[in-house]
């Protein structure tokens, strides 16, 4: 622990209260020129008759907005690590047109990764009635609060198609700020988070792999602090007989980590509006979603599209992340791949 920084003070070590009071740090209002550029690129792509899952920078040709796409990459990798692009008039689009814009912009940021064993590069976040207590369920398929966690990619993108009737707020917290607090309060417990801890794969197991991964919550590698966390999946991994068992000290460390993540001055929340595109850098912060009450009408129910992206020029990851990503090659890592995975982009 002596080689670790005493404190992080860069742009990604933000406090939620400051982000809430400074939306200009993370909110970008699309101009009419931006929107026309995105629409023109989508029209060109759809004229080619190609599946959305095969979209590339070349088949989604941006003009003026290319400059902001590069700025967005810098914001994610070296800045505050989050940006919301607001103002896309999706009420005027078909779902296919909206998906083309979202995936096309994603192609300018990085390469899309599979989000499940079925190979979906375009995910759909909605309540499908999954049982949150089932150890093979994915929490995003329920209406319950998710708790702070990371996903299996460099960057997570969401596009809000439809809001819930009540709730469903997006929450974010900086891992570096949690580290700073924990280092000051309980450095002994902080040390436990740098030890391997088992996380359940929830039934999506690559060939020859264990049904769980053993990756520390926090890793310090080549000058970067990287977070990997999903508490429910850590808890459910304890069901396996050959898993590393959590000690009382590990549980205390995880409890404190959760407590700090939920500190009112550390996290901040936002309500994504239809058309909002949110991009979050997964390695330096955790995200969450509050529980929600949905509309009774099926066509009005909460619905978000999701992308997982791998970014060129990103940080190196330690060897243990191969358990999750298969490879830790920069620009070509992340996602969930099994022997039956075939990449595609379902529109529903």
Protein backbone atom coordinates (compact mmCIF):
# COMPACT_ATOMS: atom_id res chain seq x y z
CA UNK A 1 0.00 0.00 0.00
CA UNK A 2 2.97 2.33 0.41
CA UNK A 3 3.36 2.68 -3.36
CA UNK A 4 -0.22 3.92 -3.78
CA UNK A 5 -0.99 7.66 -3.93
CA UNK A 6 -2.05 9.30 -0.69
CA UNK A 7 -4.71 11.18 -2.59
CA UNK A 8 -6.12 11.56 -6.09
CA UNK A 9 -6.70 15.13 -7.21
CA UNK A 10 -7.20 14.98 -11.00
CA UNK A 11 -10.41 15.81 -12.93
CA UNK A 12 -11.80 12.29 -12.44
CA UNK A 13 -11.53 12.59 -8.64
CA UNK A 14 -14.64 14.76 -8.57
CA UNK A 15 -17.20 15.17 -5.82
CA UNK A 16 -20.82 14.60 -6.68
CA UNK A 17 -21.95 17.84 -5.07
CA UNK A 18 -19.60 19.79 -7.35
CA UNK A 19 -20.78 17.95 -10.47
CA UNK A 20 -24.42 18.56 -9.54
CA UNK A 21 -23.71 22.28 -9.22
CA UNK A 22 -21.68 22.43 -12.46
CA UNK A 23 -23.63 20.69 -15.23
CA UNK A 24 -21.40 22.37 -17.84
CA UNK A 25 -18.69 19.91 -16.73
CA UNK A 26 -20.68 16.95 -18.11
CA UNK A 27 -23.66 18.19 -20.18
CA UNK A 28 -23.31 19.08 -23.88
CA UNK A 29 -26.24 20.63 -25.75
CA UNK A 30 -26.32 19.47 -29.36
CA UNK A 31 -26.51 22.31 -31.86
CA UNK A 32 -28.69 22.24 -34.96
CA UNK A 33 -25.50 21.72 -37.01
CA UNK A 34 -24.61 18.71 -34.81
CA UNK A 35 -28.05 17.17 -35.26
CA UNK A 36 -28.05 17.65 -39.05
CA UNK A 37 -24.60 16.05 -39.25
CA UNK A 38 -25.71 13.01 -37.23
CA UNK A 39 -28.94 12.70 -39.26
CA UNK A 40 -27.07 12.95 -42.57
CA UNK A 41 -24.64 10.21 -41.51
CA UNK A 42 -27.54 7.98 -40.44
CA UNK A 43 -29.34 8.52 -43.75
CA UNK A 44 -26.19 7.55 -45.63
CA UNK A 45 -25.69 4.42 -43.53
CA UNK A 46 -29.27 3.21 -43.87
CA UNK A 47 -29.10 3.70 -47.64
CA UNK A 48 -26.41 0.99 -47.72
CA UNK A 49 -28.76 -1.74 -46.46
CA UNK A 50 -26.24 -2.93 -43.85
CA UNK A 51 -27.15 -4.37 -40.41
CA UNK A 52 -26.68 -1.77 -37.67
CA UNK A 53 -24.32 -4.18 -35.91
CA UNK A 54 -21.83 -3.72 -38.77
CA UNK A 55 -21.69 0.10 -38.66
CA UNK A 56 -18.25 1.74 -38.92
CA UNK A 57 -16.78 5.24 -39.02
CA UNK A 58 -16.57 4.90 -42.79
CA UNK A 59 -20.21 3.89 -43.25
CA UNK A 60 -21.35 6.59 -40.78
CA UNK A 61 -19.45 9.60 -42.19
CA UNK A 62 -19.51 12.55 -39.78
CA UNK A 63 -18.31 16.00 -40.82
CA UNK A 64 -18.24 18.86 -38.29
CA UNK A 65 -19.23 16.64 -35.35
CA UNK A 66 -16.03 14.62 -35.70
CA UNK A 67 -14.25 17.34 -33.71
CA UNK A 68 -16.58 16.96 -30.73
CA UNK A 69 -16.35 13.16 -30.91
CA UNK A 70 -12.58 13.52 -30.39
CA UNK A 71 -13.19 15.94 -27.51
CA UNK A 72 -15.61 13.44 -25.98
CA UNK A 73 -12.96 10.69 -26.06
CA UNK A 74 -10.56 13.01 -24.20
CA UNK A 75 -13.27 13.86 -21.63
CA UNK A 76 -13.87 10.17 -20.99
CA UNK A 77 -10.26 8.98 -20.80
CA UNK A 78 -8.55 12.02 -19.28
CA UNK A 79 -11.28 14.33 -17.98
CA UNK A 80 -14.26 13.92 -15.66
CA UNK A 81 -15.15 10.63 -17.34
CA UNK A 82 -18.79 11.32 -18.20
CA UNK A 83 -20.75 13.31 -20.76
CA UNK A 84 -24.41 13.60 -21.67
CA UNK A 85 -25.30 14.81 -25.17
CA UNK A 86 -28.76 16.39 -25.05
CA UNK A 87 -31.18 17.53 -27.73
CA UNK A 88 -31.46 14.63 -30.19
CA UNK A 89 -35.08 14.80 -31.49
CA UNK A 90 -35.79 11.07 -31.41
CA UNK A 91 -39.54 11.73 -31.50
CA UNK A 92 -39.00 12.38 -35.22
CA UNK A 93 -37.09 9.12 -35.83
CA UNK A 94 -37.84 5.46 -36.27
CA UNK A 95 -36.15 3.13 -33.82
CA UNK A 96 -33.81 1.96 -36.59
CA UNK A 97 -32.79 5.56 -37.37
CA UNK A 98 -32.16 6.27 -33.67
CA UNK A 99 -30.08 3.09 -33.35
CA UNK A 100 -28.04 4.09 -36.42
CA UNK A 101 -27.17 7.47 -34.87
CA UNK A 102 -26.28 5.91 -31.50
CA UNK A 103 -24.21 3.05 -32.91
CA UNK A 104 -22.67 5.32 -35.54
CA UNK A 105 -21.47 7.80 -32.94
CA UNK A 106 -20.22 4.83 -30.91
CA UNK A 107 -18.16 3.70 -33.92
CA UNK A 108 -16.40 7.08 -33.90
CA UNK A 109 -15.55 6.62 -30.21
CA UNK A 110 -14.44 2.98 -30.22
CA UNK A 111 -15.38 -0.60 -31.13
CA UNK A 112 -18.67 -2.06 -29.90
CA UNK A 113 -18.50 -5.11 -27.63
CA UNK A 114 -20.94 -7.95 -26.93
CA UNK A 115 -23.14 -7.31 -23.88
CA UNK A 116 -24.31 -10.88 -23.30
CA UNK A 117 -23.72 -14.46 -24.39
CA UNK A 118 -26.08 -13.88 -27.36
CA UNK A 119 -23.68 -11.36 -28.90
CA UNK A 120 -25.85 -8.26 -28.65
CA UNK A 121 -23.73 -5.15 -29.28
CA UNK A 122 -26.86 -2.99 -28.97
CA UNK A 123 -28.46 -3.69 -25.61
CA UNK A 124 -31.93 -2.78 -24.44
CA UNK A 125 -32.29 -1.77 -20.80
CA UNK A 126 -35.82 -2.32 -19.56
CA UNK A 127 -37.80 -4.24 -17.00
CA UNK A 128 -38.65 -7.64 -18.49
CA UNK A 129 -39.85 -9.09 -15.21
CA UNK A 130 -36.61 -10.86 -14.31
CA UNK A 131 -36.26 -12.04 -10.71
CA UNK A 132 -33.60 -9.88 -9.03
CA UNK A 133 -32.99 -12.68 -6.51
CA UNK A 134 -32.19 -15.25 -9.21
CA UNK A 135 -28.37 -15.65 -9.29
CA UNK A 136 -28.50 -15.93 -13.10
CA UNK A 137 -30.57 -12.76 -13.64
CA UNK A 138 -29.11 -9.51 -14.95
CA UNK A 139 -30.19 -6.70 -12.60
CA UNK A 140 -30.80 -4.21 -15.43
CA UNK A 141 -33.73 -6.39 -16.58
CA UNK A 142 -35.69 -5.52 -13.42
CA UNK A 143 -37.21 -2.31 -12.02
CA UNK A 144 -35.24 -2.51 -8.78
CA UNK A 145 -32.34 -0.28 -7.85
CA UNK A 146 -29.14 -1.71 -9.29
CA UNK A 147 -26.58 -0.50 -6.68
CA UNK A 148 -23.28 1.08 -7.73
CA UNK A 149 -21.34 -1.13 -10.14
CA UNK A 150 -19.13 -1.26 -13.21
CA UNK A 151 -19.77 -2.98 -16.55
CA UNK A 152 -17.48 -5.15 -18.66
CA UNK A 153 -16.18 -2.53 -21.08
CA UNK A 154 -14.04 0.60 -21.24
CA UNK A 155 -17.00 2.89 -21.88
CA UNK A 156 -20.74 2.43 -21.31
CA UNK A 157 -23.15 4.39 -23.49
CA UNK A 158 -26.88 4.84 -22.90
CA UNK A 159 -29.50 6.46 -25.11
CA UNK A 160 -32.80 7.23 -23.39
CA UNK A 161 -35.76 6.24 -25.55
CA UNK A 162 -38.47 6.51 -22.90
CA UNK A 163 -38.53 7.59 -19.25
CA UNK A 164 -40.28 5.66 -16.48
CA UNK A 165 -43.43 7.06 -14.89
CA UNK A 166 -41.46 7.66 -11.68
CA UNK A 167 -37.81 7.16 -10.72
CA UNK A 168 -35.05 5.53 -12.76
CA UNK A 169 -32.52 8.29 -12.10
CA UNK A 170 -28.95 7.72 -13.26
CA UNK A 171 -26.34 7.88 -10.46
CA UNK A 172 -22.56 8.23 -10.76
CA UNK A 173 -19.69 8.21 -8.25
CA UNK A 174 -15.91 8.55 -8.65
CA UNK A 175 -13.83 5.54 -7.59
CA UNK A 176 -10.90 7.85 -6.91
CA UNK A 177 -13.00 9.92 -4.49
CA UNK A 178 -14.13 6.76 -2.71
CA UNK A 179 -10.46 5.74 -2.47
CA UNK A 180 -9.54 9.16 -1.00
CA UNK A 181 -12.19 8.86 1.73
CA UNK A 182 -11.38 5.25 2.52
CA UNK A 183 -7.65 5.94 2.63
CA UNK A 184 -8.28 8.68 5.20
CA UNK A 185 -10.79 6.72 7.29
CA UNK A 186 -9.83 3.04 7.11
CA UNK A 187 -6.63 2.31 5.18
CA UNK A 188 -6.63 -1.19 6.66
CA UNK A 189 -9.95 -1.99 4.99
CA UNK A 190 -8.93 -0.25 1.77
CA UNK A 191 -6.05 -2.72 1.45
CA UNK A 192 -8.52 -5.64 1.35
CA UNK A 193 -10.05 -4.24 -1.86
CA UNK A 194 -6.74 -4.74 -3.69
CA UNK A 195 -6.94 -8.50 -3.05
CA UNK A 196 -8.68 -10.91 -5.51
CA UNK A 197 -12.42 -11.14 -4.81
CA UNK A 198 -14.79 -13.51 -6.63
CA UNK A 199 -17.54 -12.11 -8.86
CA UNK A 200 -20.31 -14.32 -10.28
CA UNK A 201 -20.55 -14.65 -14.08
CA UNK A 202 -24.31 -15.18 -13.73
CA UNK A 203 -24.37 -18.17 -16.07
CA UNK A 204 -22.49 -16.49 -18.95
CA UNK A 205 -19.33 -18.60 -18.80
CA UNK A 206 -16.64 -18.69 -21.53
CA UNK A 207 -15.47 -22.15 -22.55
CA UNK A 208 -13.01 -23.58 -20.02
CA UNK A 209 -13.55 -20.78 -17.50
CA UNK A 210 -14.84 -20.91 -13.94
CA UNK A 211 -18.40 -19.67 -13.30
CA UNK A 212 -16.86 -16.73 -11.44
CA UNK A 213 -13.93 -14.31 -11.80
CA UNK A 214 -11.34 -13.41 -9.18
CA UNK A 215 -10.53 -9.73 -9.81
CA UNK A 216 -9.82 -7.12 -7.10
CA UNK A 217 -12.34 -4.35 -6.60
CA UNK A 218 -9.44 -1.90 -7.00
CA UNK A 219 -6.27 -2.38 -9.05
CA UNK A 220 -3.22 -0.11 -9.18
CA UNK A 221 -1.45 -0.75 -12.49
CA UNK A 222 1.04 1.42 -14.36
CA UNK A 223 -0.10 4.59 -12.64
CA UNK A 224 -3.87 4.03 -12.94
CA UNK A 225 -6.47 3.12 -10.33
CA UNK A 226 -9.06 0.86 -11.98
CA UNK A 227 -12.32 -0.24 -10.37
CA UNK A 228 -14.24 -3.48 -11.02
CA UNK A 229 -17.35 -3.95 -8.89
CA UNK A 230 -20.83 -5.45 -8.64
CA UNK A 231 -21.75 -6.24 -5.03
CA UNK A 232 -24.71 -8.48 -5.80
CA UNK A 233 -22.52 -10.61 -8.06
CA UNK A 234 -19.80 -10.75 -5.40
CA UNK A 235 -22.37 -11.98 -2.90
CA UNK A 236 -23.88 -14.57 -5.25
CA UNK A 237 -20.42 -15.92 -6.17
CA UNK A 238 -20.13 -17.26 -2.64
CA UNK A 239 -22.56 -20.05 -3.66
CA UNK A 240 -19.74 -21.92 -5.44
CA UNK A 241 -17.81 -24.49 -3.42
CA UNK A 242 -14.36 -23.65 -4.84
CA UNK A 243 -14.65 -19.87 -4.55
CA UNK A 244 -12.40 -17.62 -2.45
CA UNK A 245 -14.46 -17.11 0.69
CA UNK A 246 -15.03 -13.58 1.95
CA UNK A 247 -13.50 -12.93 5.35
CA UNK A 248 -15.13 -10.59 7.89
CA UNK A 249 -12.51 -8.00 6.91
CA UNK A 250 -13.45 -8.28 3.24
CA UNK A 251 -17.13 -7.86 4.09
CA UNK A 252 -16.37 -4.83 6.24
CA UNK A 253 -14.33 -3.33 3.38
CA UNK A 254 -17.12 -3.93 0.87
CA UNK A 255 -19.70 -2.47 3.26
CA UNK A 256 -17.63 0.67 3.72
CA UNK A 257 -17.08 0.95 -0.03
CA UNK A 258 -20.88 0.81 -0.54
CA UNK A 259 -21.47 3.29 2.27
CA UNK A 260 -19.05 5.80 0.77
CA UNK A 261 -20.41 5.32 -2.75
CA UNK A 262 -23.81 6.31 -1.39
CA UNK A 263 -22.51 9.40 0.44
CA UNK A 264 -24.62 12.39 -0.54
CA UNK A 265 -21.56 14.56 -1.29
CA UNK A 266 -19.73 11.89 -3.33
CA UNK A 267 -22.35 10.75 -5.87
CA UNK A 268 -24.63 12.81 -8.07
CA UNK A 269 -27.74 11.96 -10.04
CA UNK A 270 -29.39 12.98 -13.27
CA UNK A 271 -32.69 12.22 -14.97
CA UNK A 272 -32.03 11.17 -18.53
CA UNK A 273 -34.55 12.63 -20.98
CA UNK A 274 -35.69 11.02 -24.24
CA UNK A 275 -32.91 11.61 -26.77
CA UNK A 276 -30.14 11.98 -24.17
CA UNK A 277 -26.96 10.02 -24.92
CA UNK A 278 -24.85 9.37 -21.82
CA UNK A 279 -21.28 8.06 -22.07
CA UNK A 280 -19.47 6.90 -18.91
CA UNK A 281 -15.84 5.86 -18.49
CA UNK A 282 -16.12 2.54 -16.73
CA UNK A 283 -12.63 2.23 -15.22
CA UNK A 284 -12.65 5.29 -12.95
CA UNK A 285 -16.26 5.54 -11.78
CA UNK A 286 -19.27 3.46 -10.87
CA UNK A 287 -22.83 3.91 -12.07
CA UNK A 288 -26.21 3.03 -10.65
CA UNK A 289 -29.90 3.51 -11.29
CA UNK A 290 -32.65 4.12 -8.79
CA UNK A 291 -35.68 1.88 -8.74
CA UNK A 292 -38.63 2.98 -10.85
CA UNK A 293 -42.36 2.69 -11.36
CA UNK A 294 -43.19 2.07 -15.00
CA UNK A 295 -46.17 3.05 -17.13
CA UNK A 296 -48.88 0.41 -17.56
CA UNK A 297 -48.98 0.93 -21.34
CA UNK A 298 -46.29 -1.22 -23.05
CA UNK A 299 -45.35 1.46 -25.61
CA UNK A 300 -44.66 4.02 -22.86
CA UNK A 301 -42.46 1.87 -20.62
CA UNK A 302 -38.92 2.85 -19.69
CA UNK A 303 -36.45 1.91 -22.41
CA UNK A 304 -32.79 2.72 -22.94
CA UNK A 305 -30.43 1.53 -25.65
CA UNK A 306 -26.94 0.59 -24.44
CA UNK A 307 -23.47 0.31 -25.97
CA UNK A 308 -20.28 -1.15 -24.54
CA UNK A 309 -17.21 0.31 -26.23
CA UNK A 310 -13.47 -0.40 -26.29
CA UNK A 311 -11.41 2.75 -26.88
CA UNK A 312 -8.08 3.21 -28.68
CA UNK A 313 -5.48 4.98 -26.53
CA UNK A 314 -7.06 3.78 -23.29
CA UNK A 315 -5.20 2.78 -20.11
CA UNK A 316 -3.47 -0.59 -19.73
CA UNK A 317 -5.28 -3.15 -17.58
CA UNK A 318 -3.68 -5.78 -15.31
CA UNK A 319 -3.49 -9.43 -16.38
CA UNK A 320 -6.35 -10.47 -14.08
CA UNK A 321 -8.82 -8.61 -16.35
CA UNK A 322 -8.32 -11.31 -18.98
CA UNK A 323 -10.76 -13.36 -16.87
CA UNK A 324 -13.45 -10.85 -17.77
CA UNK A 325 -12.37 -9.53 -21.15
CA UNK A 326 -10.59 -12.52 -22.69
CA UNK A 327 -7.95 -10.10 -23.91
CA UNK A 328 -6.66 -6.85 -22.41
CA UNK A 329 -5.50 -5.50 -25.78
CA UNK A 330 -6.24 -1.76 -25.85
CA UNK A 331 -9.01 -0.99 -28.34
CA UNK A 332 -10.05 -4.64 -28.63
CA UNK A 333 -11.22 -5.73 -25.19
CA UNK A 334 -14.36 -6.04 -23.15
CA UNK A 335 -17.72 -7.67 -23.55
CA UNK A 336 -19.08 -11.13 -22.85
CA UNK A 337 -17.95 -13.83 -25.25
CA UNK A 338 -18.77 -17.54 -25.11
CA UNK A 339 -18.24 -20.27 -27.71
CA UNK A 340 -21.75 -19.63 -29.11
CA UNK A 341 -21.50 -15.82 -29.33
CA UNK A 342 -22.29 -14.21 -32.72
CA UNK A 343 -22.26 -10.40 -32.81
CA UNK A 344 -25.39 -8.56 -33.98
CA UNK A 345 -27.53 -5.55 -33.08
CA UNK A 346 -31.18 -6.36 -32.30
CA UNK A 347 -33.47 -3.35 -32.69
CA UNK A 348 -35.98 -4.66 -30.13
